[in-house]
Amino acid sequence: MSETQKKAYLVAAAIAILHNGKRYEQGDKIELTDEEAEKNSLYIVLDDTEAERQQAEAEAEKQRLAAEEAAEKAAQEAAEKEAKAKAEAEKKAQEAAKKRGQADKVVQDNKDKDEQ
């Protein structure tokens, strides 16, 4: 099993236990896989504070991911809104240029008529 799948336990027995060459006294914390914990179940108990800490970390990670997703969505919506506004402004500018072009043509036509 990998290191990340280990859980924290407390030595509960009145005697010390030896694990991987290290001595653990009563009340010491020890990280064990489920298989190792099963073999030592008479001498250990699951560390409730560690379980609560892991649960809190998992909840915090969940909230962080949700906030990150919300921020990404907001940024995407803002970019879409900006692109839409830019396209609208470009369209208005083209329409204005077209109207100016037509107005210039009318003025030129009027000048041409006046000259005749």
N, C-alpha and C. Protein backbone atom coordinates (compact mmCIF):
# COMPACT_ATOMS: atom_id res chain seq x y z
N MET A 1 0.85 -1.19 0.00
CA MET A 1 0.00 0.00 0.00
C MET A 1 0.89 1.24 0.00
N SER A 2 0.40 2.29 -0.54
CA SER A 2 1.20 3.51 -0.61
C SER A 2 1.13 4.28 0.70
N GLU A 3 2.05 5.22 0.82
CA GLU A 3 2.15 6.03 2.03
C GLU A 3 0.87 6.84 2.27
N THR A 4 0.21 7.27 1.21
CA THR A 4 -0.98 8.11 1.35
C THR A 4 -2.18 7.35 1.89
N GLN A 5 -2.14 6.04 1.87
CA GLN A 5 -3.27 5.25 2.34
C GLN A 5 -3.11 4.84 3.80
N LYS A 6 -2.11 5.38 4.45
CA LYS A 6 -1.92 5.06 5.86
C LYS A 6 -2.82 5.95 6.71
N LYS A 7 -3.19 5.43 7.86
CA LYS A 7 -4.03 6.18 8.80
C LYS A 7 -3.28 6.30 10.11
N ALA A 8 -3.63 7.30 10.89
CA ALA A 8 -2.98 7.52 12.18
C ALA A 8 -3.69 6.71 13.26
N TYR A 9 -2.89 6.06 14.08
CA TYR A 9 -3.40 5.27 15.20
C TYR A 9 -2.64 5.68 16.45
N LEU A 10 -3.23 5.40 17.59
CA LEU A 10 -2.56 5.60 18.87
C LEU A 10 -2.28 4.24 19.49
N VAL A 11 -1.10 4.12 20.08
CA VAL A 11 -0.78 2.89 20.79
C VAL A 11 -1.59 2.90 22.07
N ALA A 12 -2.45 1.90 22.24
CA ALA A 12 -3.35 1.87 23.39
C ALA A 12 -2.91 0.85 24.44
N ALA A 13 -2.04 -0.03 24.06
CA ALA A 13 -1.63 -1.09 24.99
C ALA A 13 -0.71 -0.54 26.07
N ALA A 14 -0.69 -1.24 27.19
CA ALA A 14 0.18 -0.84 28.30
C ALA A 14 1.62 -1.22 28.02
N ILE A 15 1.84 -1.87 26.89
CA ILE A 15 3.20 -2.26 26.52
C ILE A 15 3.60 -1.52 25.25
N ALA A 16 4.88 -1.37 25.04
CA ALA A 16 5.37 -0.74 23.82
C ALA A 16 5.28 -1.74 22.67
N ILE A 17 5.14 -1.22 21.45
CA ILE A 17 5.18 -2.10 20.28
C ILE A 17 6.34 -1.67 19.40
N LEU A 18 6.89 -2.61 18.67
CA LEU A 18 8.00 -2.36 17.76
C LEU A 18 7.46 -2.50 16.34
N HIS A 19 7.62 -1.43 15.56
CA HIS A 19 7.13 -1.44 14.17
C HIS A 19 8.19 -0.83 13.28
N ASN A 20 8.61 -1.58 12.28
CA ASN A 20 9.65 -1.13 11.34
C ASN A 20 10.89 -0.63 12.07
N GLY A 21 11.26 -1.31 13.12
CA GLY A 21 12.48 -0.98 13.85
C GLY A 21 12.35 0.20 14.80
N LYS A 22 11.15 0.73 14.95
CA LYS A 22 10.95 1.86 15.85
C LYS A 22 10.03 1.45 16.99
N ARG A 23 10.36 1.91 18.18
CA ARG A 23 9.58 1.57 19.36
C ARG A 23 8.52 2.65 19.60
N TYR A 24 7.30 2.20 19.83
CA TYR A 24 6.18 3.10 20.09
C TYR A 24 5.62 2.77 21.47
N GLU A 25 5.61 3.78 22.33
CA GLU A 25 5.10 3.63 23.70
C GLU A 25 3.60 3.91 23.72
N GLN A 26 2.96 3.61 24.84
CA GLN A 26 1.54 3.87 25.00
C GLN A 26 1.27 5.36 24.78
N GLY A 27 0.27 5.70 23.94
CA GLY A 27 -0.09 7.08 23.65
C GLY A 27 0.63 7.67 22.45
N ASP A 28 1.66 6.97 21.92
CA ASP A 28 2.37 7.47 20.74
C ASP A 28 1.49 7.31 19.50
N LYS A 29 1.71 8.20 18.55
CA LYS A 29 1.00 8.10 17.27
C LYS A 29 1.84 7.24 16.33
N ILE A 30 1.13 6.42 15.55
CA ILE A 30 1.79 5.54 14.58
C ILE A 30 0.92 5.50 13.33
N GLU A 31 1.55 5.57 12.16
CA GLU A 31 0.81 5.51 10.91
C GLU A 31 0.93 4.10 10.35
N LEU A 32 -0.22 3.50 10.09
CA LEU A 32 -0.28 2.13 9.61
C LEU A 32 -1.26 2.01 8.45
N THR A 33 -0.98 1.04 7.60
CA THR A 33 -1.96 0.71 6.57
C THR A 33 -3.07 -0.09 7.23
N ASP A 34 -4.14 -0.31 6.52
CA ASP A 34 -5.25 -1.10 7.08
C ASP A 34 -4.77 -2.51 7.44
N GLU A 35 -3.94 -3.08 6.59
CA GLU A 35 -3.43 -4.44 6.83
C GLU A 35 -2.56 -4.47 8.09
N GLU A 36 -1.67 -3.48 8.23
CA GLU A 36 -0.81 -3.42 9.42
C GLU A 36 -1.65 -3.19 10.67
N ALA A 37 -2.66 -2.34 10.56
CA ALA A 37 -3.52 -2.05 11.70
C ALA A 37 -4.28 -3.30 12.13
N GLU A 38 -4.71 -4.09 11.17
CA GLU A 38 -5.44 -5.31 11.49
C GLU A 38 -4.56 -6.28 12.30
N LYS A 39 -3.29 -6.35 11.92
CA LYS A 39 -2.36 -7.25 12.62
C LYS A 39 -2.08 -6.78 14.05
N ASN A 40 -2.16 -5.47 14.27
CA ASN A 40 -1.86 -4.90 15.58
C ASN A 40 -3.10 -4.40 16.31
N SER A 41 -4.26 -4.86 15.92
CA SER A 41 -5.52 -4.33 16.43
C SER A 41 -5.68 -4.44 17.94
N LEU A 42 -5.01 -5.37 18.57
CA LEU A 42 -5.11 -5.50 20.02
C LEU A 42 -4.37 -4.39 20.76
N TYR A 43 -3.44 -3.73 20.07
CA TYR A 43 -2.55 -2.78 20.73
C TYR A 43 -2.79 -1.32 20.33
N ILE A 44 -3.65 -1.08 19.36
CA ILE A 44 -3.83 0.28 18.83
C ILE A 44 -5.31 0.64 18.73
N VAL A 45 -5.56 1.95 18.62
CA VAL A 45 -6.90 2.47 18.33
C VAL A 45 -6.74 3.59 17.30
N LEU A 46 -7.76 3.77 16.48
CA LEU A 46 -7.73 4.83 15.48
C LEU A 46 -7.68 6.18 16.17
N ASP A 47 -6.79 7.03 15.73
CA ASP A 47 -6.65 8.37 16.31
C ASP A 47 -7.78 9.24 15.79
N ASP A 48 -8.76 9.51 16.63
CA ASP A 48 -9.94 10.29 16.22
C ASP A 48 -9.56 11.69 15.78
N THR A 49 -8.60 12.30 16.43
CA THR A 49 -8.21 13.67 16.05
C THR A 49 -7.60 13.67 14.66
N GLU A 50 -6.87 12.63 14.33
CA GLU A 50 -6.28 12.53 12.99
C GLU A 50 -7.37 12.32 11.95
N ALA A 51 -8.34 11.50 12.28
CA ALA A 51 -9.46 11.27 11.36
C ALA A 51 -10.23 12.57 11.13
N GLU A 52 -10.45 13.33 12.20
CA GLU A 52 -11.13 14.62 12.07
C GLU A 52 -10.31 15.59 11.23
N ARG A 53 -9.00 15.58 11.43
CA ARG A 53 -8.11 16.46 10.67
C ARG A 53 -8.17 16.10 9.18
N GLN A 54 -8.12 14.80 8.88
CA GLN A 54 -8.18 14.36 7.49
C GLN A 54 -9.53 14.73 6.87
N GLN A 55 -10.60 14.60 7.65
CA GLN A 55 -11.92 14.96 7.15
C GLN A 55 -11.99 16.47 6.90
N ALA A 56 -11.43 17.26 7.81
CA ALA A 56 -11.41 18.71 7.64
C ALA A 56 -10.59 19.10 6.41
N GLU A 57 -9.47 18.42 6.20
CA GLU A 57 -8.65 18.70 5.02
C GLU A 57 -9.40 18.36 3.74
N ALA A 58 -10.11 17.25 3.76
CA ALA A 58 -10.88 16.85 2.59
C ALA A 58 -11.98 17.87 2.30
N GLU A 59 -12.64 18.34 3.35
CA GLU A 59 -13.70 19.35 3.19
C GLU A 59 -13.11 20.66 2.67
N ALA A 60 -11.96 21.05 3.21
CA ALA A 60 -11.31 22.28 2.76
C ALA A 60 -10.90 22.17 1.29
N GLU A 61 -10.40 21.02 0.90
CA GLU A 61 -10.03 20.80 -0.50
C GLU A 61 -11.26 20.87 -1.40
N LYS A 62 -12.36 20.30 -0.94
CA LYS A 62 -13.61 20.34 -1.70
C LYS A 62 -14.08 21.78 -1.88
N GLN A 63 -14.00 22.57 -0.80
CA GLN A 63 -14.40 23.98 -0.88
C GLN A 63 -13.46 24.77 -1.78
N ARG A 64 -12.16 24.45 -1.71
CA ARG A 64 -11.18 25.15 -2.55
C ARG A 64 -11.47 24.87 -4.02
N LEU A 65 -11.75 23.61 -4.34
CA LEU A 65 -12.06 23.25 -5.72
C LEU A 65 -13.34 23.93 -6.21
N ALA A 66 -14.35 24.00 -5.34
CA ALA A 66 -15.60 24.67 -5.70
C ALA A 66 -15.37 26.16 -5.94
N ALA A 67 -14.56 26.78 -5.08
CA ALA A 67 -14.26 28.21 -5.25
C ALA A 67 -13.45 28.44 -6.52
N GLU A 68 -12.52 27.55 -6.80
CA GLU A 68 -11.71 27.66 -8.02
C GLU A 68 -12.59 27.53 -9.26
N GLU A 69 -13.52 26.59 -9.21
CA GLU A 69 -14.44 26.38 -10.33
C GLU A 69 -15.34 27.60 -10.52
N ALA A 70 -15.82 28.17 -9.43
CA ALA A 70 -16.67 29.35 -9.50
C ALA A 70 -15.90 30.54 -10.07
N ALA A 71 -14.65 30.70 -9.64
CA ALA A 71 -13.82 31.80 -10.14
C ALA A 71 -13.54 31.62 -11.63
N GLU A 72 -13.28 30.39 -12.03
CA GLU A 72 -13.03 30.11 -13.44
C GLU A 72 -14.26 30.41 -14.28
N LYS A 73 -15.44 30.02 -13.76
CA LYS A 73 -16.69 30.28 -14.47
C LYS A 73 -16.94 31.79 -14.58
N ALA A 74 -16.70 32.50 -13.49
CA ALA A 74 -16.90 33.96 -13.50
C ALA A 74 -15.95 34.62 -14.49
N ALA A 75 -14.71 34.15 -14.53
CA ALA A 75 -13.73 34.72 -15.47
C ALA A 75 -14.15 34.45 -16.91
N GLN A 76 -14.65 33.24 -17.16
CA GLN A 76 -15.11 32.89 -18.50
C GLN A 76 -16.30 33.74 -18.89
N GLU A 77 -17.25 33.93 -17.97
CA GLU A 77 -18.42 34.77 -18.27
C GLU A 77 -18.01 36.22 -18.53
N ALA A 78 -17.05 36.72 -17.75
CA ALA A 78 -16.57 38.08 -17.95
C ALA A 78 -15.90 38.21 -19.32
N ALA A 79 -15.11 37.20 -19.70
CA ALA A 79 -14.44 37.24 -21.00
C ALA A 79 -15.46 37.21 -22.14
N GLU A 80 -16.50 36.37 -21.97
CA GLU A 80 -17.55 36.31 -22.99
C GLU A 80 -18.30 37.65 -23.09
N LYS A 81 -18.57 38.25 -21.93
CA LYS A 81 -19.27 39.54 -21.91
C LYS A 81 -18.42 40.61 -22.58
N GLU A 82 -17.13 40.60 -22.28
CA GLU A 82 -16.22 41.57 -22.89
C GLU A 82 -16.13 41.38 -24.40
N ALA A 83 -16.06 40.12 -24.84
CA ALA A 83 -16.00 39.84 -26.27
C ALA A 83 -17.28 40.29 -26.97
N LYS A 84 -18.41 40.06 -26.29
CA LYS A 84 -19.69 40.48 -26.87
C LYS A 84 -19.75 42.01 -26.97
N ALA A 85 -19.31 42.69 -25.91
CA ALA A 85 -19.32 44.16 -25.92
C ALA A 85 -18.38 44.69 -27.01
N LYS A 86 -17.23 44.05 -27.17
CA LYS A 86 -16.27 44.47 -28.19
C LYS A 86 -16.87 44.27 -29.58
N ALA A 87 -17.53 43.14 -29.80
CA ALA A 87 -18.16 42.87 -31.09
C ALA A 87 -19.27 43.88 -31.37
N GLU A 88 -20.03 44.21 -30.33
CA GLU A 88 -21.12 45.19 -30.47
C GLU A 88 -20.54 46.57 -30.83
N ALA A 89 -19.47 46.95 -30.15
CA ALA A 89 -18.84 48.24 -30.42
C ALA A 89 -18.28 48.28 -31.85
N GLU A 90 -17.69 47.17 -32.28
CA GLU A 90 -17.16 47.08 -33.64
C GLU A 90 -18.27 47.21 -34.67
N LYS A 91 -19.40 46.55 -34.39
CA LYS A 91 -20.54 46.62 -35.29
C LYS A 91 -21.07 48.05 -35.39
N LYS A 92 -21.17 48.73 -34.23
CA LYS A 92 -21.65 50.12 -34.22
C LYS A 92 -20.68 51.02 -34.98
N ALA A 93 -19.38 50.77 -34.81
CA ALA A 93 -18.38 51.58 -35.51
C ALA A 93 -18.49 51.39 -37.02
N GLN A 94 -18.71 50.14 -37.44
CA GLN A 94 -18.86 49.87 -38.87
C GLN A 94 -20.12 50.53 -39.43
N GLU A 95 -21.20 50.47 -38.65
CA GLU A 95 -22.44 51.12 -39.09
C GLU A 95 -22.27 52.63 -39.19
N ALA A 96 -21.58 53.20 -38.22
CA ALA A 96 -21.34 54.64 -38.24
C ALA A 96 -20.47 55.01 -39.43
N ALA A 97 -19.46 54.20 -39.71
CA ALA A 97 -18.58 54.46 -40.86
C ALA A 97 -19.36 54.35 -42.16
N LYS A 98 -20.24 53.38 -42.21
CA LYS A 98 -21.07 53.20 -43.41
C LYS A 98 -21.99 54.41 -43.60
N LYS A 99 -22.60 54.89 -42.51
CA LYS A 99 -23.48 56.06 -42.59
C LYS A 99 -22.69 57.29 -43.02
N ARG A 100 -21.46 57.43 -42.45
CA ARG A 100 -20.62 58.57 -42.84
C ARG A 100 -20.27 58.48 -44.32
N GLY A 101 -20.00 57.26 -44.77
CA GLY A 101 -19.69 57.06 -46.19
C GLY A 101 -20.86 57.46 -47.07
N GLN A 102 -22.07 57.09 -46.66
CA GLN A 102 -23.27 57.45 -47.42
C GLN A 102 -23.49 58.96 -47.35
N ALA A 103 -23.29 59.54 -46.17
CA ALA A 103 -23.48 60.98 -46.02
C ALA A 103 -22.47 61.73 -46.87
N ASP A 104 -21.23 61.24 -46.87
CA ASP A 104 -20.20 61.87 -47.70
C ASP A 104 -20.56 61.78 -49.17
N LYS A 105 -21.15 60.68 -49.58
CA LYS A 105 -21.55 60.50 -50.97
C LYS A 105 -22.67 61.48 -51.32
N VAL A 106 -23.63 61.65 -50.40
CA VAL A 106 -24.73 62.60 -50.64
C VAL A 106 -24.17 64.01 -50.76
N VAL A 107 -23.26 64.36 -49.87
CA VAL A 107 -22.65 65.69 -49.92
C VAL A 107 -21.92 65.87 -51.24
N GLN A 108 -21.17 64.85 -51.65
CA GLN A 108 -20.44 64.94 -52.91
C GLN A 108 -21.41 65.07 -54.08
N ASP A 109 -22.51 64.31 -54.03
CA ASP A 109 -23.50 64.39 -55.11
C ASP A 109 -24.12 65.78 -55.15
N ASN A 110 -24.40 66.37 -53.99
CA ASN A 110 -24.95 67.71 -53.93
C ASN A 110 -23.96 68.74 -54.49
N LYS A 111 -22.68 68.55 -54.18
CA LYS A 111 -21.65 69.44 -54.73
C LYS A 111 -21.60 69.33 -56.25
N ASP A 112 -21.69 68.07 -56.71
CA ASP A 112 -21.65 67.85 -58.15
C ASP A 112 -22.85 68.51 -58.83
N LYS A 113 -24.03 68.45 -58.21
CA LYS A 113 -25.23 69.05 -58.76
C LYS A 113 -25.09 70.58 -58.76
N ASP A 114 -24.53 71.13 -57.68
CA ASP A 114 -24.37 72.56 -57.59
C ASP A 114 -23.39 73.07 -58.64
N GLU A 115 -22.41 72.28 -58.93
CA GLU A 115 -21.40 72.69 -59.92
C GLU A 115 -21.96 72.67 -61.33
N GLN A 116 -22.97 71.90 -61.56
CA GLN A 116 -23.52 71.79 -62.92
C GLN A 116 -24.37 72.92 -63.24
